[in-house]
Protein backbone atom coordinates (compact mmCIF):
# COMPACT_ATOMS: atom_id res chain seq x y z
CA MET A 1 24.87 13.30 -99.17
CA LYS A 2 24.83 9.67 -98.00
CA THR A 3 23.18 8.45 -94.82
CA THR A 4 25.38 8.21 -91.75
CA LEU A 5 23.15 5.55 -90.17
CA SER A 6 24.93 2.29 -89.39
CA GLN A 7 23.40 -1.11 -90.12
CA GLN A 8 23.14 -1.61 -86.34
CA GLU A 9 21.07 1.57 -85.99
CA ILE A 10 18.72 0.32 -88.70
CA THR A 11 18.53 -3.09 -87.01
CA ASP A 12 17.76 -1.36 -83.71
CA PHE A 13 14.85 0.40 -85.42
CA TRP A 14 13.32 -2.90 -86.54
CA ILE A 15 13.89 -4.43 -83.10
CA ARG A 16 12.11 -1.51 -81.44
CA CYS A 17 9.20 -1.64 -83.91
CA TYR A 18 8.67 -5.39 -83.56
CA LEU A 19 9.68 -6.08 -79.96
CA GLY A 20 8.95 -2.83 -78.14
CA ASP A 21 10.90 -0.34 -76.03
CA ASP A 22 11.93 -2.47 -73.06
CA ILE A 23 15.69 -2.32 -72.45
CA ASP A 24 16.00 -6.05 -71.74
CA ILE A 25 16.10 -7.45 -75.26
CA PHE A 26 16.20 -11.04 -74.03
CA LYS A 27 12.90 -10.69 -72.21
CA LYS A 28 11.42 -8.73 -75.11
CA CYS A 29 11.98 -11.80 -77.29
CA ILE A 30 10.35 -14.03 -74.67
CA GLN A 31 7.33 -11.74 -74.45
CA ARG A 32 7.00 -11.57 -78.24
CA ALA A 33 7.15 -15.37 -78.41
CA TYR A 34 4.42 -15.56 -75.76
CA LEU A 35 2.15 -13.41 -77.94
CA ASP A 36 2.48 -16.07 -80.64
CA LEU A 37 0.64 -18.60 -78.44
CA ASN A 38 -1.32 -16.83 -75.71
CA ARG A 39 -4.58 -16.75 -77.71
CA THR A 40 -4.61 -20.56 -77.55
CA ILE A 41 -4.64 -20.62 -73.72
CA HIS A 42 -8.37 -20.79 -73.09
CA LYS A 43 -9.94 -19.17 -69.99
CA LEU A 44 -6.81 -17.10 -69.29
CA ALA A 45 -8.69 -13.88 -70.07
CA GLU A 46 -10.95 -14.55 -67.08
CA VAL A 47 -8.07 -14.40 -64.56
CA ASP A 48 -7.70 -11.25 -62.44
CA GLN A 49 -5.26 -8.92 -64.21
CA ILE A 50 -3.06 -8.29 -61.16
CA GLU A 51 -2.71 -12.02 -60.55
CA LYS A 52 -2.07 -12.65 -64.24
CA ASP A 53 0.66 -9.99 -64.39
CA LYS A 54 2.39 -11.48 -61.34
CA ASN A 55 2.20 -15.01 -62.72
CA HIS A 56 3.40 -13.88 -66.13
CA LYS A 57 6.51 -12.27 -64.64
CA HIS A 58 7.43 -15.55 -62.95
CA LEU A 59 6.90 -17.47 -66.19
CA ILE A 60 9.01 -14.99 -68.17
CA ASP A 61 11.82 -15.53 -65.65
CA PHE A 62 11.46 -19.31 -66.00
CA VAL A 63 11.66 -19.17 -69.81
CA SER A 64 14.65 -16.82 -69.60
CA ILE A 65 16.64 -19.13 -67.33
CA ASN A 66 15.80 -22.28 -69.23
CA CYS A 67 16.30 -20.98 -72.76
CA LYS A 68 19.78 -19.97 -71.63
CA ARG A 69 20.28 -23.60 -70.63
CA LEU A 70 19.45 -24.70 -74.15
CA PHE A 71 21.80 -22.34 -75.98
CA SER A 72 24.69 -21.92 -73.54
CA GLU A 73 25.36 -25.47 -72.31
CA SER A 74 27.83 -27.64 -74.21
CA ILE A 75 25.67 -30.03 -76.22
CA THR A 76 27.35 -32.36 -78.69
CA ASN A 77 24.49 -34.10 -80.52
CA GLN A 78 20.79 -33.90 -81.41
CA ASP A 79 19.66 -36.56 -78.94
CA GLU A 80 21.24 -34.67 -76.07
CA PHE A 81 19.57 -31.43 -77.12
CA ASP A 82 16.22 -33.18 -77.59
CA LEU A 83 16.37 -34.52 -74.04
CA GLU A 84 17.16 -31.10 -72.56
CA HIS A 85 14.46 -29.49 -74.70
CA LYS A 86 11.90 -32.04 -73.49
CA LYS A 87 12.83 -31.34 -69.87
CA VAL A 88 12.43 -27.59 -70.38
CA CYS A 89 9.02 -27.92 -72.05
CA GLU A 90 7.71 -30.33 -69.41
CA GLU A 91 9.04 -28.13 -66.60
CA LEU A 92 7.34 -25.14 -68.22
CA GLN A 93 4.03 -27.05 -68.23
CA VAL A 94 4.44 -27.89 -64.54
CA THR A 95 5.47 -24.32 -63.64
CA PHE A 96 2.51 -22.87 -65.54
CA LYS A 97 0.11 -25.04 -63.53
CA LEU A 98 1.76 -24.03 -60.26
CA TYR A 99 0.59 -20.49 -60.94
CA TYR A 100 -2.68 -21.23 -62.76
CA THR A 101 -4.26 -23.94 -60.63
CA ASP A 102 -7.74 -23.64 -62.17
CA SER A 103 -8.28 -27.00 -63.90
CA THR A 104 -10.12 -25.32 -66.79
CA ILE A 105 -6.92 -23.43 -67.77
CA GLU A 106 -4.86 -25.98 -69.67
CA PHE A 107 -1.30 -25.62 -70.91
CA HIS A 108 -0.27 -28.30 -73.38
CA TYR A 109 3.08 -29.49 -74.68
CA GLY A 110 2.26 -27.88 -78.03
CA GLN A 111 1.97 -24.48 -76.34
CA ALA A 112 5.17 -24.99 -74.34
CA GLN A 113 7.17 -25.89 -77.46
CA LYS A 114 5.89 -22.80 -79.27
CA TRP A 115 7.01 -20.51 -76.45
CA ILE A 116 10.47 -22.09 -76.17
CA ASN A 117 11.10 -22.51 -79.89
CA MET A 118 9.91 -19.05 -80.90
CA THR A 119 12.03 -17.52 -78.14
CA LEU A 120 15.13 -19.28 -79.46
CA LYS A 121 14.26 -18.26 -83.01
CA TYR A 122 13.83 -14.59 -82.08
CA LEU A 123 17.04 -14.60 -80.04
CA PHE A 124 18.94 -16.15 -82.95
CA ALA A 125 17.50 -13.55 -85.32
CA ILE A 126 18.67 -10.78 -82.99
CA GLY A 127 22.17 -12.23 -83.29
CA GLU A 128 25.33 -13.10 -81.44
CA ASN A 129 26.30 -9.48 -80.76
CA GLU A 130 23.20 -8.92 -78.62
CA ILE A 131 22.80 -12.49 -77.35
CA PRO A 132 26.28 -14.01 -76.87
CA GLY A 133 26.28 -17.78 -77.33
CA ILE A 134 22.94 -18.00 -79.18
CA THR A 135 24.58 -19.62 -82.23
CA LYS A 136 26.40 -22.29 -80.19
CA ASN A 137 23.74 -25.02 -80.36
CA TYR A 138 21.83 -23.60 -83.34
CA PRO A 139 22.18 -26.75 -85.53
CA PHE A 140 20.16 -28.67 -82.92
CA TYR A 141 17.33 -26.14 -82.47
CA HIS A 142 13.78 -27.33 -83.13
CA ILE A 143 11.42 -25.66 -85.57
CA PRO A 144 8.42 -23.92 -83.95
CA ILE A 145 5.37 -25.94 -84.95
CA ASP A 146 2.32 -23.88 -85.86
CA ASN A 147 -0.29 -23.65 -88.62
CA ILE A 148 1.92 -21.64 -90.95
CA ILE A 149 4.82 -24.06 -91.02
CA ARG A 150 2.61 -27.16 -91.08
CA HIS A 151 0.75 -25.93 -94.15
CA LYS A 152 3.97 -24.96 -95.91
CA MET A 153 5.49 -28.38 -95.17
CA ALA A 154 2.34 -30.06 -96.46
CA LYS A 155 2.58 -28.15 -99.76
CA LEU A 156 6.17 -29.15 -100.59
CA SER A 157 6.35 -30.40 -104.16
CA VAL A 158 8.62 -33.30 -103.16
CA ASN A 159 7.95 -35.51 -100.13
CA PRO A 160 5.44 -33.23 -98.38
CA ILE A 161 4.84 -33.72 -94.67
CA LYS A 162 1.23 -34.44 -93.77
CA ILE A 163 -0.51 -32.12 -91.32
CA PRO A 164 -1.23 -33.95 -88.03
CA SER A 165 -4.92 -34.25 -87.15
CA VAL A 166 -4.50 -32.45 -83.80
CA SER A 167 -4.00 -28.68 -83.62
CA TRP A 168 -0.43 -27.53 -82.94
CA SER A 169 -1.35 -26.08 -79.55
CA ARG A 170 -2.67 -29.43 -78.34
CA LEU A 171 0.25 -31.59 -79.48
CA THR A 172 1.53 -34.20 -77.04
CA TYR A 173 5.25 -34.78 -76.71
CA GLN A 174 5.16 -37.86 -78.92
CA GLU A 175 3.18 -36.12 -81.65
CA TYR A 176 5.56 -33.19 -81.43
CA ILE A 177 8.81 -35.14 -81.62
CA ASN A 178 7.44 -37.33 -84.40
CA TYR A 179 6.88 -34.19 -86.49
CA GLN A 180 10.36 -32.85 -85.72
CA THR A 181 11.81 -36.20 -86.81
CA GLN A 182 9.88 -36.10 -90.08
CA VAL A 183 11.28 -32.65 -90.81
CA ARG A 184 14.84 -33.78 -90.05
CA ASN A 185 14.46 -36.83 -92.27
CA ARG A 186 13.00 -34.73 -95.08
CA PHE A 187 15.92 -32.25 -94.92
CA LYS A 188 18.78 -34.51 -93.90
CA ASN A 189 21.59 -32.22 -95.01
CA GLN A 190 20.12 -28.96 -93.73
CA ILE A 191 19.69 -27.31 -90.35
CA PRO A 192 15.96 -27.56 -89.53
CA LEU A 193 15.61 -23.96 -88.40
CA ASP A 194 17.35 -22.78 -91.58
CA VAL A 195 14.59 -24.56 -93.49
CA GLU A 196 11.89 -23.00 -91.31
CA PHE A 197 13.30 -19.48 -91.80
CA ARG A 198 13.29 -19.94 -95.57
CA LEU A 199 9.82 -21.43 -95.70
CA PHE A 200 8.43 -18.66 -93.52
CA ASN A 201 10.02 -16.13 -95.87
CA ASN A 202 8.45 -17.88 -98.89
CA LYS A 203 11.83 -18.93 -100.27
CA GLU A 204 12.31 -21.94 -102.51
CA ILE A 205 13.83 -24.96 -100.78
CA GLU A 206 14.98 -28.35 -101.99
């Protein structure tokens, strides 16, 4: 007897295992992306839990609204997407500091890009059926910059990309966009996030 499970049912299993049981799959992706960077936000563990939960809900809502901007608006070229992406990351930095006013709790551009870029990556991986419109601006998406991808880029056999001296979480905008540009120049005829997916999965790339 063959299984009667559909591919969607199997996909739903993996989504539940990796993202959790919350019904709102969009916000599950945002929360999972947050877990990829929250350990780099120093002093956050010292904040009262009730206050932290309230602040986090507001920030989740902000990321939800603004990631939708990036994938649903009609964007015709990379420069246009880059400008909108920069606005979203800078607005996220400002919004974070509106809620966490303690000067010892810093939130850098490198952390903002990780939250936004990983959210878009997770949403794309979930697919168009669950997240209508997510593929619309996919060719312009940025790669999430972290230690894994930087080390893999640095080990390319042809034209490797040097690891910046600053940690990914502390990247400034200029350091960040310079790295994105290097990746685009290295893989001129490929979609950057396609490259990142393959590298992360230990696939061979040209």
